[in-house]
């Protein structure tokens, strides 16, 4: 599990739970359950960081909080 802040909420429009990482621009994932959305965001966070490294972009330090909405 990463130490980035994760905002998790239900989206009526998408009929799914959405997990967003405010510290990593555009980093979001969804899933039909809270657990799946959280598992999916862990994969997306790793991909986001990998891409940033490949492109030579800075990687923000995590705030170290986990929030559930």
C-alpha atoms as a PDB file:
ATOM      1  CA  UNK A   1       0.000   0.000   0.000  1.00  0.00           C
ATOM      2  CA  UNK A   2       1.269   3.437  -0.880  1.00  0.00           C
ATOM      3  CA  UNK A   3       1.325   6.401   1.453  1.00  0.00           C
ATOM      4  CA  UNK A   4      -0.440   8.781  -0.921  1.00  0.00           C
ATOM      5  CA  UNK A   5      -3.727  10.339   0.120  1.00  0.00           C
ATOM      6  CA  UNK A   6      -6.600   8.470  -1.545  1.00  0.00           C
ATOM      7  CA  UNK A   7     -10.074   9.931  -1.808  1.00  0.00           C
ATOM      8  CA  UNK A   8     -12.678   7.208  -2.269  1.00  0.00           C
ATOM      9  CA  UNK A   9     -16.325   7.926  -3.123  1.00  0.00           C
ATOM     10  CA  UNK A  10     -19.357   6.470  -4.864  1.00  0.00           C
ATOM     11  CA  UNK A  11     -20.246   7.908  -8.294  1.00  0.00           C
ATOM     12  CA  UNK A  12     -23.903   7.590  -9.251  1.00  0.00           C
ATOM     13  CA  UNK A  13     -23.030   8.605 -12.807  1.00  0.00           C
ATOM     14  CA  UNK A  14     -20.449   5.834 -13.195  1.00  0.00           C
ATOM     15  CA  UNK A  15     -22.181   3.375 -10.864  1.00  0.00           C
ATOM     16  CA  UNK A  16     -18.799   2.640  -9.345  1.00  0.00           C
ATOM     17  CA  UNK A  17     -16.497   3.630  -6.512  1.00  0.00           C
ATOM     18  CA  UNK A  18     -13.909   6.176  -7.617  1.00  0.00           C
ATOM     19  CA  UNK A  19     -10.463   6.436  -6.037  1.00  0.00           C
ATOM     20  CA  UNK A  20      -8.479   9.623  -6.685  1.00  0.00           C
ATOM     21  CA  UNK A  21      -4.960  10.645  -5.643  1.00  0.00           C
ATOM     22  CA  UNK A  22      -4.903  14.450  -5.395  1.00  0.00           C
ATOM     23  CA  UNK A  23      -1.101  14.608  -5.150  1.00  0.00           C
ATOM     24  CA  UNK A  24      -0.676  12.844  -8.517  1.00  0.00           C
ATOM     25  CA  UNK A  25      -2.409  14.858 -11.250  1.00  0.00           C
ATOM     26  CA  UNK A  26      -4.939  12.780 -13.177  1.00  0.00           C
ATOM     27  CA  UNK A  27      -4.357   9.674 -11.069  1.00  0.00           C
ATOM     28  CA  UNK A  28      -7.711   7.926 -10.580  1.00  0.00           C
ATOM     29  CA  UNK A  29      -9.268   4.471 -10.807  1.00  0.00           C
ATOM     30  CA  UNK A  30     -12.654   2.899 -10.276  1.00  0.00           C
ATOM     31  CA  UNK A  31     -14.218  -0.369  -9.260  1.00  0.00           C
ATOM     32  CA  UNK A  32     -17.585  -1.918  -8.418  1.00  0.00           C
ATOM     33  CA  UNK A  33     -16.567  -2.222  -4.740  1.00  0.00           C
ATOM     34  CA  UNK A  34     -14.440  -0.139  -2.390  1.00  0.00           C
ATOM     35  CA  UNK A  35     -11.864  -2.920  -2.224  1.00  0.00           C
ATOM     36  CA  UNK A  36     -11.583  -3.190  -5.998  1.00  0.00           C
ATOM     37  CA  UNK A  37     -11.298   0.568  -6.457  1.00  0.00           C
ATOM     38  CA  UNK A  38      -8.500   0.643  -3.867  1.00  0.00           C
ATOM     39  CA  UNK A  39      -6.715  -2.303  -5.474  1.00  0.00           C
ATOM     40  CA  UNK A  40      -7.019  -0.649  -8.887  1.00  0.00           C
ATOM     41  CA  UNK A  41      -5.662   2.693  -7.645  1.00  0.00           C
ATOM     42  CA  UNK A  42      -2.554   0.960  -6.278  1.00  0.00           C
ATOM     43  CA  UNK A  43      -1.827  -0.293  -9.808  1.00  0.00           C
ATOM     44  CA  UNK A  44      -2.496   3.135 -11.321  1.00  0.00           C
ATOM     45  CA  UNK A  45      -0.249   4.854  -8.733  1.00  0.00           C
ATOM     46  CA  UNK A  46       2.616   2.503  -9.645  1.00  0.00           C
ATOM     47  CA  UNK A  47       2.038   3.177 -13.355  1.00  0.00           C
ATOM     48  CA  UNK A  48       1.845   6.944 -12.743  1.00  0.00           C
ATOM     49  CA  UNK A  49       5.184   6.908 -10.897  1.00  0.00           C
ATOM     50  CA  UNK A  50       6.799   4.672 -13.519  1.00  0.00           C
ATOM     51  CA  UNK A  51       5.691   7.024 -16.299  1.00  0.00           C
ATOM     52  CA  UNK A  52       6.905  10.095 -14.398  1.00  0.00           C
ATOM     53  CA  UNK A  53      10.326   8.478 -13.966  1.00  0.00           C
ATOM     54  CA  UNK A  54      10.501   7.585 -17.670  1.00  0.00           C
ATOM     55  CA  UNK A  55       9.609  11.174 -18.628  1.00  0.00           C
ATOM     56  CA  UNK A  56      11.967  12.709 -16.067  1.00  0.00           C
ATOM     57  CA  UNK A  57       9.135  14.439 -14.214  1.00  0.00           C
ATOM     58  CA  UNK A  58       9.146  15.107 -10.470  1.00  0.00           C
ATOM     59  CA  UNK A  59       7.269  12.756  -8.170  1.00  0.00           C
ATOM     60  CA  UNK A  60       5.485  14.481  -5.272  1.00  0.00           C
ATOM     61  CA  UNK A  61       6.173  13.243  -1.760  1.00  0.00           C
ATOM     62  CA  UNK A  62       3.142  11.507  -0.217  1.00  0.00           C
ATOM     63  CA  UNK A  63       1.276  13.255   2.583  1.00  0.00           C
ATOM     64  CA  UNK A  64       0.832   9.863   4.231  1.00  0.00           C
ATOM     65  CA  UNK A  65      -2.920  10.004   4.900  1.00  0.00           C
ATOM     66  CA  UNK A  66      -5.671   7.628   3.751  1.00  0.00           C
ATOM     67  CA  UNK A  67      -9.146   9.174   3.582  1.00  0.00           C
ATOM     68  CA  UNK A  68     -12.499   7.559   2.844  1.00  0.00           C
ATOM     69  CA  UNK A  69     -15.433   9.709   1.730  1.00  0.00           C
END
